[in-house]
Amino acid sequence: MKEKIHPKAVPAKIICGCGSVAMTLSTKPEIRVDVCSNCHPFYTGTQRLIDTEGRVDKFIRRYSKKQRA
C-alpha cells in the first residue's frame, strides 16, 4: 500500500433512528442512519406496508387469480 494516501480511521458512533448505537471505525466520528438491523423489517420479521389507493390489495387479487388457474 502507498503511504500518506489513505484517510485516517477514527472510532465512530453509528446512531439509528430507533435509538440503537453501534461503535465501529470510519473516517467520520458520527454517522446517523434511518434503519439498522435492530429495526429493519427483514431482520425483525415485521412487515410495514403503506397501502396507497389499494395498490397492495389490487396486487394480491391480480396474482392470486393466476395461482388458482
PDB file of N, CA and C in Angstrom:
ATOM      1  N   MET A   1       0.841  -1.188   0.000  1.00  0.00           N
ATOM      2  CA  MET A   1       0.000   0.000   0.000  1.00  0.00           C
ATOM      3  C   MET A   1       0.881   1.244   0.000  1.00  0.00           C
ATOM      4  N   LYS A   2       0.409   2.248  -0.689  1.00  0.00           N
ATOM      5  CA  LYS A   2       1.142   3.507  -0.712  1.00  0.00           C
ATOM      6  C   LYS A   2       0.937   4.247   0.595  1.00  0.00           C
ATOM      7  N   GLU A   3       1.932   4.941   1.015  1.00  0.00           N
ATOM      8  CA  GLU A   3       1.848   5.710   2.248  1.00  0.00           C
ATOM      9  C   GLU A   3       1.269   7.090   1.982  1.00  0.00           C
ATOM     10  N   LYS A   4       0.620   7.646   2.996  1.00  0.00           N
ATOM     11  CA  LYS A   4       0.109   9.015   3.020  1.00  0.00           C
ATOM     12  C   LYS A   4      -1.018   9.292   2.019  1.00  0.00           C
ATOM     13  N   ILE A   5      -1.704   8.248   1.503  1.00  0.00           N
ATOM     14  CA  ILE A   5      -2.843   8.497   0.615  1.00  0.00           C
ATOM     15  C   ILE A   5      -4.156   8.007   1.211  1.00  0.00           C
ATOM     16  N   HIS A   6      -4.088   7.249   2.290  1.00  0.00           N
ATOM     17  CA  HIS A   6      -5.287   6.680   2.891  1.00  0.00           C
ATOM     18  C   HIS A   6      -5.818   7.601   3.989  1.00  0.00           C
ATOM     19  N   PRO A   7      -7.140   7.753   4.089  1.00  0.00           N
ATOM     20  CA  PRO A   7      -7.705   8.601   5.145  1.00  0.00           C
ATOM     21  C   PRO A   7      -7.529   7.945   6.522  1.00  0.00           C
ATOM     22  N   LYS A   8      -7.536   8.768   7.543  1.00  0.00           N
ATOM     23  CA  LYS A   8      -7.396   8.269   8.909  1.00  0.00           C
ATOM     24  C   LYS A   8      -8.713   7.659   9.376  1.00  0.00           C
ATOM     25  N   ALA A   9      -8.642   6.491   9.964  1.00  0.00           N
ATOM     26  CA  ALA A   9      -9.823   5.825  10.526  1.00  0.00           C
ATOM     27  C   ALA A   9      -9.889   6.169  12.008  1.00  0.00           C
ATOM     28  N   VAL A  10     -11.035   6.712  12.413  1.00  0.00           N
ATOM     29  CA  VAL A  10     -11.240   7.087  13.810  1.00  0.00           C
ATOM     30  C   VAL A  10     -12.402   6.277  14.373  1.00  0.00           C
ATOM     31  N   PRO A  11     -12.477   6.103  15.689  1.00  0.00           N
ATOM     32  CA  PRO A  11     -13.646   5.425  16.275  1.00  0.00           C
ATOM     33  C   PRO A  11     -14.916   6.220  15.945  1.00  0.00           C
ATOM     34  N   ALA A  12     -15.932   5.514  15.461  1.00  0.00           N
ATOM     35  CA  ALA A  12     -17.155   6.181  15.037  1.00  0.00           C
ATOM     36  C   ALA A  12     -18.359   5.593  15.759  1.00  0.00           C
ATOM     37  N   LYS A  13     -19.326   6.445  15.990  1.00  0.00           N
ATOM     38  CA  LYS A  13     -20.572   6.042  16.629  1.00  0.00           C
ATOM     39  C   LYS A  13     -21.664   6.087  15.566  1.00  0.00           C
ATOM     40  N   ILE A  14     -22.325   4.937  15.315  1.00  0.00           N
ATOM     41  CA  ILE A  14     -23.429   4.872  14.354  1.00  0.00           C
ATOM     42  C   ILE A  14     -24.724   4.918  15.149  1.00  0.00           C
ATOM     43  N   ILE A  15     -25.555   5.916  14.871  1.00  0.00           N
ATOM     44  CA  ILE A  15     -26.792   6.124  15.611  1.00  0.00           C
ATOM     45  C   ILE A  15     -27.966   5.914  14.661  1.00  0.00           C
ATOM     46  N   CYS A  16     -28.857   4.998  15.042  1.00  0.00           N
ATOM     47  CA  CYS A  16     -30.040   4.691  14.232  1.00  0.00           C
ATOM     48  C   CYS A  16     -31.215   5.551  14.683  1.00  0.00           C
ATOM     49  N   GLY A  17     -32.213   5.663  13.829  1.00  0.00           N
ATOM     50  CA  GLY A  17     -33.427   6.384  14.167  1.00  0.00           C
ATOM     51  C   GLY A  17     -34.195   5.743  15.306  1.00  0.00           C
ATOM     52  N   CYS A  18     -34.012   4.445  15.531  1.00  0.00           N
ATOM     53  CA  CYS A  18     -34.708   3.746  16.616  1.00  0.00           C
ATOM     54  C   CYS A  18     -34.009   3.941  17.957  1.00  0.00           C
ATOM     55  N   GLY A  19     -32.806   4.539  17.947  1.00  0.00           N
ATOM     56  CA  GLY A  19     -32.080   4.777  19.180  1.00  0.00           C
ATOM     57  C   GLY A  19     -30.933   3.819  19.419  1.00  0.00           C
ATOM     58  N   SER A  20     -30.771   2.840  18.568  1.00  0.00           N
ATOM     59  CA  SER A  20     -29.687   1.877  18.702  1.00  0.00           C
ATOM     60  C   SER A  20     -28.356   2.548  18.351  1.00  0.00           C
ATOM     61  N   VAL A  21     -27.300   2.211  19.106  1.00  0.00           N
ATOM     62  CA  VAL A  21     -25.978   2.788  18.882  1.00  0.00           C
ATOM     63  C   VAL A  21     -24.979   1.655  18.692  1.00  0.00           C
ATOM     64  N   ALA A  22     -24.108   1.804  17.680  1.00  0.00           N
ATOM     65  CA  ALA A  22     -23.066   0.819  17.419  1.00  0.00           C
ATOM     66  C   ALA A  22     -21.746   1.561  17.248  1.00  0.00           C
ATOM     67  N   MET A  23     -20.679   0.937  17.659  1.00  0.00           N
ATOM     68  CA  MET A  23     -19.349   1.527  17.527  1.00  0.00           C
ATOM     69  C   MET A  23     -18.578   0.792  16.446  1.00  0.00           C
ATOM     70  N   THR A  24     -17.825   1.539  15.632  1.00  0.00           N
ATOM     71  CA  THR A  24     -17.015   0.972  14.569  1.00  0.00           C
ATOM     72  C   THR A  24     -15.899   1.951  14.229  1.00  0.00           C
ATOM     73  N   LEU A  25     -15.166   1.695  13.167  1.00  0.00           N
ATOM     74  CA  LEU A  25     -14.154   2.622  12.674  1.00  0.00           C
ATOM     75  C   LEU A  25     -14.648   3.234  11.370  1.00  0.00           C
ATOM     76  N   SER A  26     -14.388   4.520  11.192  1.00  0.00           N
ATOM     77  CA  SER A  26     -14.798   5.208   9.984  1.00  0.00           C
ATOM     78  C   SER A  26     -13.966   6.471   9.826  1.00  0.00           C
ATOM     79  N   THR A  27     -14.144   7.142   8.708  1.00  0.00           N
ATOM     80  CA  THR A  27     -13.469   8.418   8.508  1.00  0.00           C
ATOM     81  C   THR A  27     -14.248   9.558   9.155  1.00  0.00           C
ATOM     82  N   LYS A  28     -15.496   9.313   9.527  1.00  0.00           N
ATOM     83  CA  LYS A  28     -16.328  10.299  10.206  1.00  0.00           C
ATOM     84  C   LYS A  28     -16.547   9.848  11.649  1.00  0.00           C
ATOM     85  N   PRO A  29     -16.556  10.763  12.607  1.00  0.00           N
ATOM     86  CA  PRO A  29     -16.734  10.349  14.002  1.00  0.00           C
ATOM     87  C   PRO A  29     -18.163   9.963  14.368  1.00  0.00           C
ATOM     88  N   GLU A  30     -19.171  10.443  13.612  1.00  0.00           N
ATOM     89  CA  GLU A  30     -20.565  10.107  13.916  1.00  0.00           C
ATOM     90  C   GLU A  30     -21.339   9.926  12.621  1.00  0.00           C
ATOM     91  N   ILE A  31     -22.126   8.843  12.557  1.00  0.00           N
ATOM     92  CA  ILE A  31     -22.933   8.533  11.378  1.00  0.00           C
ATOM     93  C   ILE A  31     -24.356   8.288  11.850  1.00  0.00           C
ATOM     94  N   ARG A  32     -25.319   8.925  11.209  1.00  0.00           N
ATOM     95  CA  ARG A  32     -26.733   8.729  11.546  1.00  0.00           C
ATOM     96  C   ARG A  32     -27.417   7.988  10.396  1.00  0.00           C
ATOM     97  N   VAL A  33     -28.160   6.916  10.754  1.00  0.00           N
ATOM     98  CA  VAL A  33     -28.869   6.105   9.762  1.00  0.00           C
ATOM     99  C   VAL A  33     -30.346   6.031  10.133  1.00  0.00           C
ATOM    100  N   ASP A  34     -31.183   5.732   9.141  1.00  0.00           N
ATOM    101  CA  ASP A  34     -32.623   5.625   9.367  1.00  0.00           C
ATOM    102  C   ASP A  34     -33.032   4.252   9.878  1.00  0.00           C
ATOM    103  N   VAL A  35     -32.395   3.201   9.346  1.00  0.00           N
ATOM    104  CA  VAL A  35     -32.784   1.829   9.662  1.00  0.00           C
ATOM    105  C   VAL A  35     -31.526   1.016   9.968  1.00  0.00           C
ATOM    106  N   CYS A  36     -31.599   0.194  11.010  1.00  0.00           N
ATOM    107  CA  CYS A  36     -30.479  -0.684  11.356  1.00  0.00           C
ATOM    108  C   CYS A  36     -30.995  -2.127  11.435  1.00  0.00           C
ATOM    109  N   SER A  37     -30.124  -3.044  11.798  1.00  0.00           N
ATOM    110  CA  SER A  37     -30.532  -4.448  11.878  1.00  0.00           C
ATOM    111  C   SER A  37     -31.486  -4.695  13.043  1.00  0.00           C
ATOM    112  N   ASN A  38     -31.534  -3.801  14.021  1.00  0.00           N
ATOM    113  CA  ASN A  38     -32.461  -3.965  15.149  1.00  0.00           C
ATOM    114  C   ASN A  38     -33.887  -3.576  14.794  1.00  0.00           C
ATOM    115  N   CYS A  39     -34.069  -2.711  13.804  1.00  0.00           N
ATOM    116  CA  CYS A  39     -35.421  -2.256  13.478  1.00  0.00           C
ATOM    117  C   CYS A  39     -35.815  -2.514  12.023  1.00  0.00           C
ATOM    118  N   HIS A  40     -34.954  -3.117  11.216  1.00  0.00           N
ATOM    119  CA  HIS A  40     -35.273  -3.390   9.814  1.00  0.00           C
ATOM    120  C   HIS A  40     -36.295  -4.523   9.730  1.00  0.00           C
ATOM    121  N   PRO A  41     -37.342  -4.359   8.915  1.00  0.00           N
ATOM    122  CA  PRO A  41     -38.387  -5.392   8.830  1.00  0.00           C
ATOM    123  C   PRO A  41     -37.869  -6.771   8.413  1.00  0.00           C
ATOM    124  N   PHE A  42     -36.852  -6.843   7.591  1.00  0.00           N
ATOM    125  CA  PHE A  42     -36.322  -8.133   7.159  1.00  0.00           C
ATOM    126  C   PHE A  42     -35.733  -8.899   8.337  1.00  0.00           C
ATOM    127  N   TYR A  43     -35.022  -8.217   9.215  1.00  0.00           N
ATOM    128  CA  TYR A  43     -34.364  -8.879  10.331  1.00  0.00           C
ATOM    129  C   TYR A  43     -35.295  -9.100  11.517  1.00  0.00           C
ATOM    130  N   THR A  44     -36.277  -8.230  11.705  1.00  0.00           N
ATOM    131  CA  THR A  44     -37.175  -8.364  12.853  1.00  0.00           C
ATOM    132  C   THR A  44     -38.367  -9.258  12.558  1.00  0.00           C
ATOM    133  N   GLY A  45     -38.676  -9.489  11.293  1.00  0.00           N
ATOM    134  CA  GLY A  45     -39.809 -10.328  10.932  1.00  0.00           C
ATOM    135  C   GLY A  45     -41.123  -9.577  10.883  1.00  0.00           C
ATOM    136  N   THR A  46     -41.097  -8.283  11.076  1.00  0.00           N
ATOM    137  CA  THR A  46     -42.316  -7.472  10.974  1.00  0.00           C
ATOM    138  C   THR A  46     -42.375  -6.853   9.598  1.00  0.00           C
ATOM    139  N   GLN A  47     -43.561  -6.630   9.133  1.00  0.00           N
ATOM    140  CA  GLN A  47     -43.736  -6.041   7.813  1.00  0.00           C
ATOM    141  C   GLN A  47     -44.629  -4.828   7.940  1.00  0.00           C
ATOM    142  N   ARG A  48     -44.141  -3.711   7.454  1.00  0.00           N
ATOM    143  CA  ARG A  48     -44.920  -2.482   7.492  1.00  0.00           C
ATOM    144  C   ARG A  48     -45.240  -2.081   6.060  1.00  0.00           C
ATOM    145  N   LEU A  49     -46.500  -2.161   5.706  1.00  0.00           N
ATOM    146  CA  LEU A  49     -46.929  -1.762   4.372  1.00  0.00           C
ATOM    147  C   LEU A  49     -47.740  -0.486   4.464  1.00  0.00           C
ATOM    148  N   ILE A  50     -47.457   0.424   3.578  1.00  0.00           N
ATOM    149  CA  ILE A  50     -48.263   1.630   3.478  1.00  0.00           C
ATOM    150  C   ILE A  50     -49.067   1.479   2.193  1.00  0.00           C
ATOM    151  N   ASP A  51     -50.340   1.209   2.333  1.00  0.00           N
ATOM    152  CA  ASP A  51     -51.195   0.963   1.182  1.00  0.00           C
ATOM    153  C   ASP A  51     -51.699   2.290   0.634  1.00  0.00           C
ATOM    154  N   THR A  52     -51.307   2.587  -0.583  1.00  0.00           N
ATOM    155  CA  THR A  52     -51.726   3.815  -1.232  1.00  0.00           C
ATOM    156  C   THR A  52     -52.753   3.471  -2.301  1.00  0.00           C
ATOM    157  N   GLU A  53     -53.957   3.931  -2.104  1.00  0.00           N
ATOM    158  CA  GLU A  53     -55.043   3.743  -3.072  1.00  0.00           C
ATOM    159  C   GLU A  53     -55.348   2.278  -3.339  1.00  0.00           C
ATOM    160  N   GLY A  54     -55.162   1.397  -2.372  1.00  0.00           N
ATOM    161  CA  GLY A  54     -55.499  -0.009  -2.531  1.00  0.00           C
ATOM    162  C   GLY A  54     -54.593  -0.778  -3.467  1.00  0.00           C
ATOM    163  N   ARG A  55     -53.389  -0.302  -3.697  1.00  0.00           N
ATOM    164  CA  ARG A  55     -52.483  -0.958  -4.642  1.00  0.00           C
ATOM    165  C   ARG A  55     -52.041  -2.333  -4.158  1.00  0.00           C
ATOM    166  N   VAL A  56     -51.854  -2.487  -2.864  1.00  0.00           N
ATOM    167  CA  VAL A  56     -51.436  -3.791  -2.334  1.00  0.00           C
ATOM    168  C   VAL A  56     -52.558  -4.805  -2.523  1.00  0.00           C
ATOM    169  N   ASP A  57     -53.800  -4.414  -2.214  1.00  0.00           N
ATOM    170  CA  ASP A  57     -54.938  -5.319  -2.402  1.00  0.00           C
ATOM    171  C   ASP A  57     -55.114  -5.670  -3.874  1.00  0.00           C
ATOM    172  N   LYS A  58     -54.939  -4.707  -4.752  1.00  0.00           N
ATOM    173  CA  LYS A  58     -55.062  -4.944  -6.187  1.00  0.00           C
ATOM    174  C   LYS A  58     -53.991  -5.936  -6.653  1.00  0.00           C
ATOM    175  N   PHE A  59     -52.773  -5.785  -6.148  1.00  0.00           N
ATOM    176  CA  PHE A  59     -51.685  -6.695  -6.487  1.00  0.00           C
ATOM    177  C   PHE A  59     -51.991  -8.113  -6.016  1.00  0.00           C
ATOM    178  N   ILE A  60     -52.480  -8.248  -4.791  1.00  0.00           N
ATOM    179  CA  ILE A  60     -52.799  -9.571  -4.233  1.00  0.00           C
ATOM    180  C   ILE A  60     -53.928 -10.223  -5.014  1.00  0.00           C
ATOM    181  N   ARG A  61     -54.960  -9.461  -5.357  1.00  0.00           N
ATOM    182  CA  ARG A  61     -56.070 -10.020  -6.140  1.00  0.00           C
ATOM    183  C   ARG A  61     -55.598 -10.475  -7.511  1.00  0.00           C
ATOM    184  N   ARG A  62     -54.768  -9.674  -8.158  1.00  0.00           N
ATOM    185  CA  ARG A  62     -54.314  -9.996  -9.504  1.00  0.00           C
ATOM    186  C   ARG A  62     -53.505 -11.289  -9.525  1.00  0.00           C
ATOM    187  N   TYR A  63     -52.576 -11.452  -8.588  1.00  0.00           N
ATOM    188  CA  TYR A  63     -51.721 -12.622  -8.619  1.00  0.00           C
ATOM    189  C   TYR A  63     -52.327 -13.834  -7.942  1.00  0.00           C
ATOM    190  N   SER A  64     -53.329 -13.667  -7.123  1.00  0.00           N
ATOM    191  CA  SER A  64     -53.992 -14.830  -6.533  1.00  0.00           C
ATOM    192  C   SER A  64     -54.846 -15.529  -7.601  1.00  0.00           C
ATOM    193  N   LYS A  65     -55.368 -14.794  -8.566  1.00  0.00           N
ATOM    194  CA  LYS A  65     -56.139 -15.403  -9.652  1.00  0.00           C
ATOM    195  C   LYS A  65     -55.251 -16.259 -10.533  1.00  0.00           C
ATOM    196  N   LYS A  66     -54.032 -15.825 -10.807  1.00  0.00           N
ATOM    197  CA  LYS A  66     -53.136 -16.588 -11.674  1.00  0.00           C
ATOM    198  C   LYS A  66     -52.687 -17.875 -11.002  1.00  0.00           C
ATOM    199  N   GLN A  67     -52.555 -17.875  -9.683  1.00  0.00           N
ATOM    200  CA  GLN A  67     -52.126 -19.079  -8.989  1.00  0.00           C
ATOM    201  C   GLN A  67     -53.227 -20.131  -8.964  1.00  0.00           C
ATOM    202  N   ARG A  68     -54.477 -19.720  -8.935  1.00  0.00           N
ATOM    203  CA  ARG A  68     -55.598 -20.661  -8.906  1.00  0.00           C
ATOM    204  C   ARG A  68     -55.760 -21.393 -10.224  1.00  0.00           C
ATOM    205  N   ALA A  69     -55.476 -20.695 -11.316  1.00  0.00           N
ATOM    206  CA  ALA A  69     -55.695 -21.271 -12.651  1.00  0.00           C
ATOM    207  C   ALA A  69     -54.710 -22.326 -13.031  1.00  0.00           C
TER     208      ALA A  69
END
